């Protein structure tokens, strides 16, 4: 089993943190092999950002995504640049407010969900920057790429002290959305 996950957006959205958390959940808490890699522009905020996670039950021979099984797009630039790299039938999560121009024809070959993720995070926690954690919950519950307990432990390892409760609230809201996605309600 080899699963490839692509996270993309712009700096400051937590793209890289989300990928690190997913990789940790797989490797540390699920006992799988996982490799995380990242690429971003010279700006720490606002520049293009991409992170990849490869998860497998056997040693990973190539650490990059070839045809992602799962993808997350947090910005128009990321969507436009990387959408066509995902495999047919891939499960794709799109931040609908930040990706206004969509390739509906290509999305027809995918299992895509577009939601106002930033707005949902803000309504859930009061902080838009918890959007990446909310999305991890959605991805986990919808795809089963890692278990819920594993992602929860990995989130708690990664977030700053004092923010655990707010991040768990975002994660649990993501789980709720993932359940709705699995049931075909989104």
Protein backbone atom coordinates (compact mmCIF):
# COMPACT_ATOMS: atom_id res chain seq x y z
CA UNK A 1 0.00 0.00 0.00
CA UNK A 2 1.44 3.35 -1.08
CA UNK A 3 -0.61 6.48 -0.49
CA UNK A 4 0.46 9.86 -1.80
CA UNK A 5 -0.86 13.12 -0.35
CA UNK A 6 -0.30 16.62 -1.74
CA UNK A 7 -0.91 19.77 0.32
CA UNK A 8 -0.61 23.11 -1.47
CA UNK A 9 -1.40 26.77 -0.90
CA UNK A 10 0.57 29.84 0.06
CA UNK A 11 2.94 30.51 2.94
CA UNK A 12 1.23 31.16 6.24
CA UNK A 13 -1.65 28.73 5.68
CA UNK A 14 0.02 25.87 7.52
CA UNK A 15 0.56 23.68 4.45
CA UNK A 16 3.91 22.37 5.65
CA UNK A 17 2.77 21.92 9.26
CA UNK A 18 -0.23 19.88 8.06
CA UNK A 19 2.05 17.58 6.06
CA UNK A 20 4.46 17.15 8.97
CA UNK A 21 1.57 16.26 11.28
CA UNK A 22 0.20 13.72 8.79
CA UNK A 23 3.64 12.14 8.33
CA UNK A 24 4.12 11.92 12.10
CA UNK A 25 0.68 10.34 12.58
CA UNK A 26 1.57 7.65 10.03
CA UNK A 27 5.15 6.96 11.13
CA UNK A 28 5.03 7.43 14.90
CA UNK A 29 1.48 6.45 15.78
CA UNK A 30 0.52 3.98 13.05
CA UNK A 31 3.90 2.27 12.61
CA UNK A 32 3.96 2.91 8.86
CA UNK A 33 6.72 4.27 6.69
CA UNK A 34 6.29 7.95 5.84
CA UNK A 35 8.31 10.57 4.00
CA UNK A 36 7.47 14.27 4.01
CA UNK A 37 8.98 16.80 1.61
CA UNK A 38 8.28 20.46 0.95
CA UNK A 39 8.89 23.29 -1.47
CA UNK A 40 8.09 26.96 -1.02
CA UNK A 41 8.96 30.36 -2.41
CA UNK A 42 11.48 32.69 -0.77
CA UNK A 43 8.74 34.52 1.14
CA UNK A 44 7.73 33.00 4.46
CA UNK A 45 4.19 34.38 4.07
CA UNK A 46 2.31 34.69 0.81
CA UNK A 47 4.66 32.73 -1.47
CA UNK A 48 3.65 29.48 -3.12
CA UNK A 49 3.96 26.45 -0.89
CA UNK A 50 3.70 22.71 -1.53
CA UNK A 51 4.24 19.73 0.73
CA UNK A 52 4.04 16.04 -0.05
CA UNK A 53 3.61 13.00 2.18
CA UNK A 54 4.14 9.45 1.00
CA UNK A 55 2.83 6.75 3.35
CA UNK A 56 3.44 3.04 2.90
CA UNK A 57 3.43 -0.26 4.76
CA UNK A 58 6.84 -1.07 3.22
CA UNK A 59 10.04 0.95 2.73
CA UNK A 60 9.53 3.91 0.41
CA UNK A 61 11.71 3.78 -2.68
CA UNK A 62 10.83 7.24 -4.03
CA UNK A 63 10.02 10.06 -1.58
CA UNK A 64 7.96 12.32 -3.88
CA UNK A 65 4.38 12.08 -5.07
CA UNK A 66 4.01 10.76 -8.60
CA UNK A 67 0.21 10.76 -8.84
CA UNK A 68 -1.34 11.90 -5.56
CA UNK A 69 -4.23 9.81 -4.23
CA UNK A 70 -5.30 12.74 -2.06
CA UNK A 71 -4.77 16.48 -2.54
CA UNK A 72 -5.56 19.68 -0.67
CA UNK A 73 -5.67 23.03 -2.45
CA UNK A 74 -5.74 26.16 -0.29
CA UNK A 75 -5.09 28.74 -3.05
CA UNK A 76 -5.83 29.45 -6.70
CA UNK A 77 -2.15 29.40 -7.66
CA UNK A 78 -1.65 25.99 -6.05
CA UNK A 79 -4.82 24.62 -7.64
CA UNK A 80 -3.87 25.86 -11.10
CA UNK A 81 -0.32 24.55 -10.80
CA UNK A 82 -0.91 21.10 -9.26
CA UNK A 83 -4.49 19.96 -9.96
CA UNK A 84 -3.52 18.03 -13.08
CA UNK A 85 -0.86 16.05 -11.18
CA UNK A 86 -3.44 14.09 -9.16
CA UNK A 87 -4.56 10.67 -10.31
CA UNK A 88 -7.99 10.07 -11.73
CA UNK A 89 -10.42 9.29 -8.92
CA UNK A 90 -8.28 11.11 -6.31
CA UNK A 91 -10.02 12.60 -3.29
CA UNK A 92 -9.46 16.35 -3.44
CA UNK A 93 -10.25 19.07 -0.88
CA UNK A 94 -10.51 22.66 -2.13
CA UNK A 95 -10.72 25.92 -0.16
CA UNK A 96 -13.62 27.26 -2.21
CA UNK A 97 -13.29 30.93 -1.25
CA UNK A 98 -9.62 31.04 -2.28
CA UNK A 99 -10.02 28.95 -5.45
CA UNK A 100 -12.70 30.81 -7.44
CA UNK A 101 -11.58 29.61 -10.91
CA UNK A 102 -12.02 25.86 -11.09
CA UNK A 103 -11.52 23.25 -13.80
CA UNK A 104 -14.96 21.65 -13.46
CA UNK A 105 -14.35 19.27 -16.37
CA UNK A 106 -11.17 17.81 -14.82
CA UNK A 107 -12.77 17.76 -11.36
CA UNK A 108 -15.41 15.47 -12.88
CA UNK A 109 -12.71 12.76 -12.98
CA UNK A 110 -12.00 13.28 -9.28
CA UNK A 111 -13.83 12.96 -5.99
CA UNK A 112 -13.65 16.66 -5.10
CA UNK A 113 -15.10 18.65 -2.21
CA UNK A 114 -15.01 22.45 -2.11
CA UNK A 115 -15.81 24.15 1.19
CA UNK A 116 -15.14 27.58 2.74
CA UNK A 117 -12.55 25.98 5.03
CA UNK A 118 -11.12 29.23 6.40
CA UNK A 119 -14.59 30.50 7.27
CA UNK A 120 -15.57 27.19 8.92
CA UNK A 121 -12.35 27.23 10.97
CA UNK A 122 -13.00 30.80 12.05
CA UNK A 123 -16.60 29.97 13.05
CA UNK A 124 -15.41 26.86 14.94
CA UNK A 125 -12.41 28.25 16.81
CA UNK A 126 -12.39 32.00 16.28
CA UNK A 127 -9.08 31.62 14.42
CA UNK A 128 -8.78 31.27 10.66
CA UNK A 129 -5.29 29.82 11.05
CA UNK A 130 -6.74 26.57 12.43
CA UNK A 131 -7.97 25.84 8.89
CA UNK A 132 -5.07 23.44 8.27
CA UNK A 133 -5.93 21.36 11.35
CA UNK A 134 -9.62 21.34 10.40
CA UNK A 135 -8.62 20.11 6.94
CA UNK A 136 -6.50 17.32 8.46
CA UNK A 137 -9.58 16.16 10.35
CA UNK A 138 -11.65 16.24 7.17
CA UNK A 139 -8.98 14.36 5.20
CA UNK A 140 -8.57 11.73 7.93
CA UNK A 141 -12.28 11.02 8.43
CA UNK A 142 -13.07 11.07 4.70
CA UNK A 143 -10.18 8.96 3.43
CA UNK A 144 -8.91 6.92 6.38
CA UNK A 145 -5.33 7.66 5.25
CA UNK A 146 -4.43 7.47 8.96
CA UNK A 147 -6.52 6.75 12.05
CA UNK A 148 -8.25 9.43 14.09
CA UNK A 149 -6.31 8.66 17.28
CA UNK A 150 -3.03 8.86 15.38
CA UNK A 151 -3.81 12.26 13.85
CA UNK A 152 -5.09 13.55 17.19
CA UNK A 153 -1.84 12.57 18.96
CA UNK A 154 0.25 14.05 16.14
CA UNK A 155 -1.69 17.34 16.31
CA UNK A 156 -1.13 17.53 20.07
CA UNK A 157 2.61 16.93 19.50
CA UNK A 158 2.85 19.75 16.97
CA UNK A 159 0.73 22.66 18.17
CA UNK A 160 2.02 25.30 20.57
CA UNK A 161 1.37 24.75 24.27
CA UNK A 162 -1.84 26.43 25.33
CA UNK A 163 -3.52 25.95 21.92
CA UNK A 164 -4.33 22.26 22.26
CA UNK A 165 -8.03 22.73 23.02
CA UNK A 166 -8.65 25.12 20.14
CA UNK A 167 -6.79 22.88 17.68
CA UNK A 168 -8.70 19.80 18.84
CA UNK A 169 -11.94 21.70 18.30
CA UNK A 170 -10.83 22.38 14.70
CA UNK A 171 -9.79 18.74 14.24
CA UNK A 172 -13.11 17.39 15.54
CA UNK A 173 -15.05 19.76 13.26
CA UNK A 174 -12.97 18.36 10.41
CA UNK A 175 -13.88 14.80 11.49
CA UNK A 176 -17.55 15.83 11.40
CA UNK A 177 -17.16 17.23 7.86
CA UNK A 178 -15.26 14.11 6.79
CA UNK A 179 -18.14 11.92 7.98
CA UNK A 180 -20.55 14.03 5.93
CA UNK A 181 -18.25 13.72 2.89
CA UNK A 182 -18.10 9.94 3.33
CA UNK A 183 -21.90 9.81 3.48
CA UNK A 184 -22.12 11.90 0.29
CA UNK A 185 -23.71 14.83 2.14
CA UNK A 186 -21.22 17.48 0.99
